[in-house]
Amino acid sequence: MELRIEVEQEEDGRWIAEVADLPGVLVYGSARPEAIQRAQALALRVLADRIEHGEEILETAKHFVEAA
């Protein structure tokens, strides 16, 4: 399974990136690559936290893809 990162530019020029499959993974960046990088980092933190607390995670989530 792939974790899809949805990216769009806000009216104020900031970029927003979200991983819809992981609630709470929503970040802003001043540029598109920055927003994507922040979303990946936060998603990995969320997954690591779930593992540390014994929660079930998406076992097949091995990498990220950018949504078109």
PDB file of N, CA and C in Angstrom:
ATOM      1  N   MET A   1       0.848  -1.186   0.000  1.00  0.00           N
ATOM      2  CA  MET A   1       0.000   0.000   0.000  1.00  0.00           C
ATOM      3  C   MET A   1       0.887   1.241   0.000  1.00  0.00           C
ATOM      4  N   GLU A   2       0.452   2.256  -0.678  1.00  0.00           N
ATOM      5  CA  GLU A   2       1.166   3.510  -0.740  1.00  0.00           C
ATOM      6  C   GLU A   2       0.424   4.552   0.085  1.00  0.00           C
ATOM      7  N   LEU A   3       1.173   5.398   0.749  1.00  0.00           N
ATOM      8  CA  LEU A   3       0.573   6.511   1.468  1.00  0.00           C
ATOM      9  C   LEU A   3       0.594   7.717   0.534  1.00  0.00           C
ATOM     10  N   ARG A   4      -0.574   8.132   0.109  1.00  0.00           N
ATOM     11  CA  ARG A   4      -0.693   9.219  -0.862  1.00  0.00           C
ATOM     12  C   ARG A   4      -0.601  10.565  -0.153  1.00  0.00           C
ATOM     13  N   ILE A   5       0.265  11.423  -0.672  1.00  0.00           N
ATOM     14  CA  ILE A   5       0.404  12.781  -0.150  1.00  0.00           C
ATOM     15  C   ILE A   5      -0.332  13.710  -1.101  1.00  0.00           C
ATOM     16  N   GLU A   6      -1.372  14.348  -0.597  1.00  0.00           N
ATOM     17  CA  GLU A   6      -2.141  15.294  -1.392  1.00  0.00           C
ATOM     18  C   GLU A   6      -1.578  16.689  -1.144  1.00  0.00           C
ATOM     19  N   VAL A   7      -1.256  17.405  -2.215  1.00  0.00           N
ATOM     20  CA  VAL A   7      -0.604  18.705  -2.102  1.00  0.00           C
ATOM     21  C   VAL A   7      -1.379  19.733  -2.910  1.00  0.00           C
ATOM     22  N   GLU A   8      -1.580  20.909  -2.323  1.00  0.00           N
ATOM     23  CA  GLU A   8      -2.184  22.008  -3.069  1.00  0.00           C
ATOM     24  C   GLU A   8      -1.700  23.331  -2.509  1.00  0.00           C
ATOM     25  N   GLN A   9      -1.793  24.346  -3.335  1.00  0.00           N
ATOM     26  CA  GLN A   9      -1.344  25.668  -2.924  1.00  0.00           C
ATOM     27  C   GLN A   9      -2.525  26.484  -2.417  1.00  0.00           C
ATOM     28  N   GLU A  10      -2.344  27.104  -1.274  1.00  0.00           N
ATOM     29  CA  GLU A  10      -3.374  27.951  -0.680  1.00  0.00           C
ATOM     30  C   GLU A  10      -3.371  29.321  -1.384  1.00  0.00           C
ATOM     31  N   GLU A  11      -4.420  30.097  -1.168  1.00  0.00           N
ATOM     32  CA  GLU A  11      -4.515  31.417  -1.775  1.00  0.00           C
ATOM     33  C   GLU A  11      -3.407  32.358  -1.313  1.00  0.00           C
ATOM     34  N   ASP A  12      -2.898  32.152  -0.093  1.00  0.00           N
ATOM     35  CA  ASP A  12      -1.848  33.026   0.430  1.00  0.00           C
ATOM     36  C   ASP A  12      -0.450  32.610  -0.045  1.00  0.00           C
ATOM     37  N   GLY A  13      -0.383  31.582  -0.902  1.00  0.00           N
ATOM     38  CA  GLY A  13       0.895  31.152  -1.468  1.00  0.00           C
ATOM     39  C   GLY A  13       1.541  29.971  -0.765  1.00  0.00           C
ATOM     40  N   ARG A  14       1.098  29.676   0.462  1.00  0.00           N
ATOM     41  CA  ARG A  14       1.656  28.524   1.170  1.00  0.00           C
ATOM     42  C   ARG A  14       1.172  27.237   0.523  1.00  0.00           C
ATOM     43  N   TRP A  15       1.943  26.187   0.713  1.00  0.00           N
ATOM     44  CA  TRP A  15       1.575  24.858   0.225  1.00  0.00           C
ATOM     45  C   TRP A  15       1.110  24.024   1.408  1.00  0.00           C
ATOM     46  N   ILE A  16       0.082  23.234   1.196  1.00  0.00           N
ATOM     47  CA  ILE A  16      -0.432  22.343   2.225  1.00  0.00           C
ATOM     48  C   ILE A  16      -0.305  20.913   1.711  1.00  0.00           C
ATOM     49  N   ALA A  17       0.164  20.028   2.577  1.00  0.00           N
ATOM     50  CA  ALA A  17       0.314  18.617   2.220  1.00  0.00           C
ATOM     51  C   ALA A  17      -0.351  17.777   3.297  1.00  0.00           C
ATOM     52  N   GLU A  18      -1.056  16.736   2.870  1.00  0.00           N
ATOM     53  CA  GLU A  18      -1.808  15.890   3.796  1.00  0.00           C
ATOM     54  C   GLU A  18      -1.683  14.428   3.391  1.00  0.00           C
ATOM     55  N   VAL A  19      -1.555  13.576   4.395  1.00  0.00           N
ATOM     56  CA  VAL A  19      -1.617  12.136   4.189  1.00  0.00           C
ATOM     57  C   VAL A  19      -2.968  11.709   4.769  1.00  0.00           C
ATOM     58  N   ALA A  20      -3.959  11.570   3.907  1.00  0.00           N
ATOM     59  CA  ALA A  20      -5.334  11.319   4.345  1.00  0.00           C
ATOM     60  C   ALA A  20      -5.486  10.008   5.119  1.00  0.00           C
ATOM     61  N   ASP A  21      -4.636   9.013   4.825  1.00  0.00           N
ATOM     62  CA  ASP A  21      -4.735   7.727   5.511  1.00  0.00           C
ATOM     63  C   ASP A  21      -4.220   7.776   6.950  1.00  0.00           C
ATOM     64  N   LEU A  22      -3.576   8.879   7.312  1.00  0.00           N
ATOM     65  CA  LEU A  22      -3.069   9.047   8.677  1.00  0.00           C
ATOM     66  C   LEU A  22      -3.654  10.330   9.262  1.00  0.00           C
ATOM     67  N   PRO A  23      -4.748  10.218  10.014  1.00  0.00           N
ATOM     68  CA  PRO A  23      -5.382  11.410  10.581  1.00  0.00           C
ATOM     69  C   PRO A  23      -4.379  12.271  11.349  1.00  0.00           C
ATOM     70  N   GLY A  24      -4.448  13.563  11.096  1.00  0.00           N
ATOM     71  CA  GLY A  24      -3.566  14.503  11.778  1.00  0.00           C
ATOM     72  C   GLY A  24      -2.301  14.839  11.015  1.00  0.00           C
ATOM     73  N   VAL A  25      -2.038  14.129   9.924  1.00  0.00           N
ATOM     74  CA  VAL A  25      -0.841  14.417   9.139  1.00  0.00           C
ATOM     75  C   VAL A  25      -1.216  15.447   8.077  1.00  0.00           C
ATOM     76  N   LEU A  26      -1.086  16.711   8.466  1.00  0.00           N
ATOM     77  CA  LEU A  26      -1.414  17.843   7.634  1.00  0.00           C
ATOM     78  C   LEU A  26      -0.408  18.936   7.964  1.00  0.00           C
ATOM     79  N   VAL A  27       0.331  19.399   6.981  1.00  0.00           N
ATOM     80  CA  VAL A  27       1.399  20.371   7.228  1.00  0.00           C
ATOM     81  C   VAL A  27       1.403  21.452   6.153  1.00  0.00           C
ATOM     82  N   TYR A  28       2.047  22.554   6.479  1.00  0.00           N
ATOM     83  CA  TYR A  28       2.251  23.639   5.535  1.00  0.00           C
ATOM     84  C   TYR A  28       3.731  23.779   5.223  1.00  0.00           C
ATOM     85  N   GLY A  29       4.027  24.325   4.061  1.00  0.00           N
ATOM     86  CA  GLY A  29       5.391  24.648   3.675  1.00  0.00           C
ATOM     87  C   GLY A  29       5.373  25.875   2.786  1.00  0.00           C
ATOM     88  N   SER A  30       6.507  26.562   2.729  1.00  0.00           N
ATOM     89  CA  SER A  30       6.576  27.758   1.887  1.00  0.00           C
ATOM     90  C   SER A  30       6.754  27.392   0.417  1.00  0.00           C
ATOM     91  N   ALA A  31       7.163  26.150   0.150  1.00  0.00           N
ATOM     92  CA  ALA A  31       7.314  25.646  -1.215  1.00  0.00           C
ATOM     93  C   ALA A  31       6.769  24.213  -1.257  1.00  0.00           C
ATOM     94  N   ARG A  32       6.399  23.764  -2.433  1.00  0.00           N
ATOM     95  CA  ARG A  32       5.831  22.420  -2.597  1.00  0.00           C
ATOM     96  C   ARG A  32       6.756  21.321  -2.043  1.00  0.00           C
ATOM     97  N   PRO A  33       8.055  21.316  -2.398  1.00  0.00           N
ATOM     98  CA  PRO A  33       8.932  20.256  -1.873  1.00  0.00           C
ATOM     99  C   PRO A  33       9.038  20.275  -0.345  1.00  0.00           C
ATOM    100  N   GLU A  34       9.015  21.475   0.227  1.00  0.00           N
ATOM    101  CA  GLU A  34       9.082  21.577   1.691  1.00  0.00           C
ATOM    102  C   GLU A  34       7.841  20.962   2.333  1.00  0.00           C
ATOM    103  N   ALA A  35       6.673  21.240   1.788  1.00  0.00           N
ATOM    104  CA  ALA A  35       5.434  20.682   2.331  1.00  0.00           C
ATOM    105  C   ALA A  35       5.438  19.158   2.228  1.00  0.00           C
ATOM    106  N   ILE A  36       5.905  18.626   1.107  1.00  0.00           N
ATOM    107  CA  ILE A  36       5.971  17.171   0.924  1.00  0.00           C
ATOM    108  C   ILE A  36       6.928  16.554   1.932  1.00  0.00           C
ATOM    109  N   GLN A  37       8.095  17.163   2.096  1.00  0.00           N
ATOM    110  CA  GLN A  37       9.088  16.646   3.039  1.00  0.00           C
ATOM    111  C   GLN A  37       8.547  16.665   4.467  1.00  0.00           C
ATOM    112  N   ARG A  38       7.874  17.731   4.840  1.00  0.00           N
ATOM    113  CA  ARG A  38       7.302  17.817   6.189  1.00  0.00           C
ATOM    114  C   ARG A  38       6.207  16.762   6.394  1.00  0.00           C
ATOM    115  N   ALA A  39       5.394  16.524   5.366  1.00  0.00           N
ATOM    116  CA  ALA A  39       4.340  15.510   5.470  1.00  0.00           C
ATOM    117  C   ALA A  39       4.949  14.120   5.638  1.00  0.00           C
ATOM    118  N   GLN A  40       6.001  13.830   4.896  1.00  0.00           N
ATOM    119  CA  GLN A  40       6.670  12.536   5.031  1.00  0.00           C
ATOM    120  C   GLN A  40       7.241  12.371   6.438  1.00  0.00           C
ATOM    121  N   ALA A  41       7.900  13.400   6.935  1.00  0.00           N
ATOM    122  CA  ALA A  41       8.510  13.331   8.270  1.00  0.00           C
ATOM    123  C   ALA A  41       7.446  13.128   9.346  1.00  0.00           C
ATOM    124  N   LEU A  42       6.353  13.870   9.266  1.00  0.00           N
ATOM    125  CA  LEU A  42       5.296  13.735  10.258  1.00  0.00           C
ATOM    126  C   LEU A  42       4.634  12.365  10.171  1.00  0.00           C
ATOM    127  N   ALA A  43       4.415  11.879   8.962  1.00  0.00           N
ATOM    128  CA  ALA A  43       3.812  10.555   8.794  1.00  0.00           C
ATOM    129  C   ALA A  43       4.693   9.479   9.426  1.00  0.00           C
ATOM    130  N   LEU A  44       5.997   9.581   9.226  1.00  0.00           N
ATOM    131  CA  LEU A  44       6.907   8.604   9.832  1.00  0.00           C
ATOM    132  C   LEU A  44       6.879   8.686  11.349  1.00  0.00           C
ATOM    133  N   ARG A  45       6.769   9.901  11.888  1.00  0.00           N
ATOM    134  CA  ARG A  45       6.667  10.054  13.346  1.00  0.00           C
ATOM    135  C   ARG A  45       5.379   9.421  13.873  1.00  0.00           C
ATOM    136  N   VAL A  46       4.287   9.626  13.157  1.00  0.00           N
ATOM    137  CA  VAL A  46       3.002   9.044  13.563  1.00  0.00           C
ATOM    138  C   VAL A  46       3.080   7.521  13.542  1.00  0.00           C
ATOM    139  N   LEU A  47       3.643   6.959  12.481  1.00  0.00           N
ATOM    140  CA  LEU A  47       3.776   5.505  12.393  1.00  0.00           C
ATOM    141  C   LEU A  47       4.690   4.966  13.493  1.00  0.00           C
ATOM    142  N   ALA A  48       5.798   5.652  13.758  1.00  0.00           N
ATOM    143  CA  ALA A  48       6.715   5.221  14.813  1.00  0.00           C
ATOM    144  C   ALA A  48       6.029   5.265  16.172  1.00  0.00           C
ATOM    145  N   ASP A  49       5.253   6.302  16.421  1.00  0.00           N
ATOM    146  CA  ASP A  49       4.531   6.423  17.686  1.00  0.00           C
ATOM    147  C   ASP A  49       3.528   5.284  17.846  1.00  0.00           C
ATOM    148  N   ARG A  50       2.851   4.941  16.775  1.00  0.00           N
ATOM    149  CA  ARG A  50       1.890   3.828  16.841  1.00  0.00           C
ATOM    150  C   ARG A  50       2.594   2.513  17.139  1.00  0.00           C
ATOM    151  N   ILE A  51       3.740   2.300  16.520  1.00  0.00           N
ATOM    152  CA  ILE A  51       4.503   1.072  16.783  1.00  0.00           C
ATOM    153  C   ILE A  51       4.934   1.033  18.249  1.00  0.00           C
ATOM    154  N   GLU A  52       5.468   2.149  18.749  1.00  0.00           N
ATOM    155  CA  GLU A  52       5.931   2.211  20.142  1.00  0.00           C
ATOM    156  C   GLU A  52       4.821   1.935  21.135  1.00  0.00           C
ATOM    157  N   HIS A  53       3.600   2.297  20.782  1.00  0.00           N
ATOM    158  CA  HIS A  53       2.465   2.094  21.683  1.00  0.00           C
ATOM    159  C   HIS A  53       1.679   0.822  21.379  1.00  0.00           C
ATOM    160  N   GLY A  54       2.226  -0.018  20.525  1.00  0.00           N
ATOM    161  CA  GLY A  54       1.601  -1.305  20.234  1.00  0.00           C
ATOM    162  C   GLY A  54       0.343  -1.223  19.400  1.00  0.00           C
ATOM    163  N   GLU A  55       0.133  -0.094  18.727  1.00  0.00           N
ATOM    164  CA  GLU A  55      -1.052   0.040  17.888  1.00  0.00           C
ATOM    165  C   GLU A  55      -0.811  -0.610  16.531  1.00  0.00           C
ATOM    166  N   GLU A  56      -1.877  -0.989  15.901  1.00  0.00           N
ATOM    167  CA  GLU A  56      -1.785  -1.595  14.577  1.00  0.00           C
ATOM    168  C   GLU A  56      -1.489  -0.512  13.545  1.00  0.00           C
ATOM    169  N   ILE A  57      -0.596  -0.827  12.610  1.00  0.00           N
ATOM    170  CA  ILE A  57      -0.290   0.112  11.540  1.00  0.00           C
ATOM    171  C   ILE A  57      -0.494  -0.574  10.200  1.00  0.00           C
ATOM    172  N   LEU A  58      -0.434   0.193   9.160  1.00  0.00           N
ATOM    173  CA  LEU A  58      -0.545  -0.365   7.817  1.00  0.00           C
ATOM    174  C   LEU A  58       0.758  -1.093   7.508  1.00  0.00           C
ATOM    175  N   GLU A  59       0.747  -2.413   7.563  1.00  0.00           N
ATOM    176  CA  GLU A  59       1.972  -3.181   7.400  1.00  0.00           C
ATOM    177  C   GLU A  59       2.595  -3.022   6.016  1.00  0.00           C
ATOM    178  N   THR A  60       1.775  -2.743   5.049  1.00  0.00           N
ATOM    179  CA  THR A  60       2.304  -2.662   3.685  1.00  0.00           C
ATOM    180  C   THR A  60       2.721  -1.253   3.301  1.00  0.00           C
ATOM    181  N   ALA A  61       2.596  -0.298   4.210  1.00  0.00           N
ATOM    182  CA  ALA A  61       2.978   1.082   3.892  1.00  0.00           C
ATOM    183  C   ALA A  61       4.487   1.210   3.964  1.00  0.00           C
ATOM    184  N   LYS A  62       5.136   1.131   2.833  1.00  0.00           N
ATOM    185  CA  LYS A  62       6.586   1.127   2.793  1.00  0.00           C
ATOM    186  C   LYS A  62       7.173   2.403   2.200  1.00  0.00           C
ATOM    187  N   HIS A  63       6.376   3.139   1.458  1.00  0.00           N
ATOM    188  CA  HIS A  63       6.899   4.362   0.863  1.00  0.00           C
ATOM    189  C   HIS A  63       5.770   5.318   0.526  1.00  0.00           C
ATOM    190  N   PHE A  64       6.141   6.517   0.154  1.00  0.00           N
ATOM    191  CA  PHE A  64       5.192   7.571  -0.150  1.00  0.00           C
ATOM    192  C   PHE A  64       5.169   7.832  -1.643  1.00  0.00           C
ATOM    193  N   VAL A  65       4.028   8.302  -2.115  1.00  0.00           N
ATOM    194  CA  VAL A  65       3.926   8.766  -3.487  1.00  0.00           C
ATOM    195  C   VAL A  65       3.232  10.119  -3.478  1.00  0.00           C
ATOM    196  N   GLU A  66       3.581  10.934  -4.430  1.00  0.00           N
ATOM    197  CA  GLU A  66       2.956  12.243  -4.546  1.00  0.00           C
ATOM    198  C   GLU A  66       1.699  12.123  -5.384  1.00  0.00           C
ATOM    199  N   ALA A  67       0.604  12.638  -4.869  1.00  0.00           N
ATOM    200  CA  ALA A  67      -0.657  12.589  -5.620  1.00  0.00           C
ATOM    201  C   ALA A  67      -0.573  13.522  -6.813  1.00  0.00           C
ATOM    202  N   ALA A  68      -1.155  13.097  -7.886  1.00  0.00           N
ATOM    203  CA  ALA A  68      -1.130  13.924  -9.108  1.00  0.00           C
ATOM    204  C   ALA A  68      -2.069  15.083  -9.011  1.00  0.00           C
TER     205      ALA A  68
END
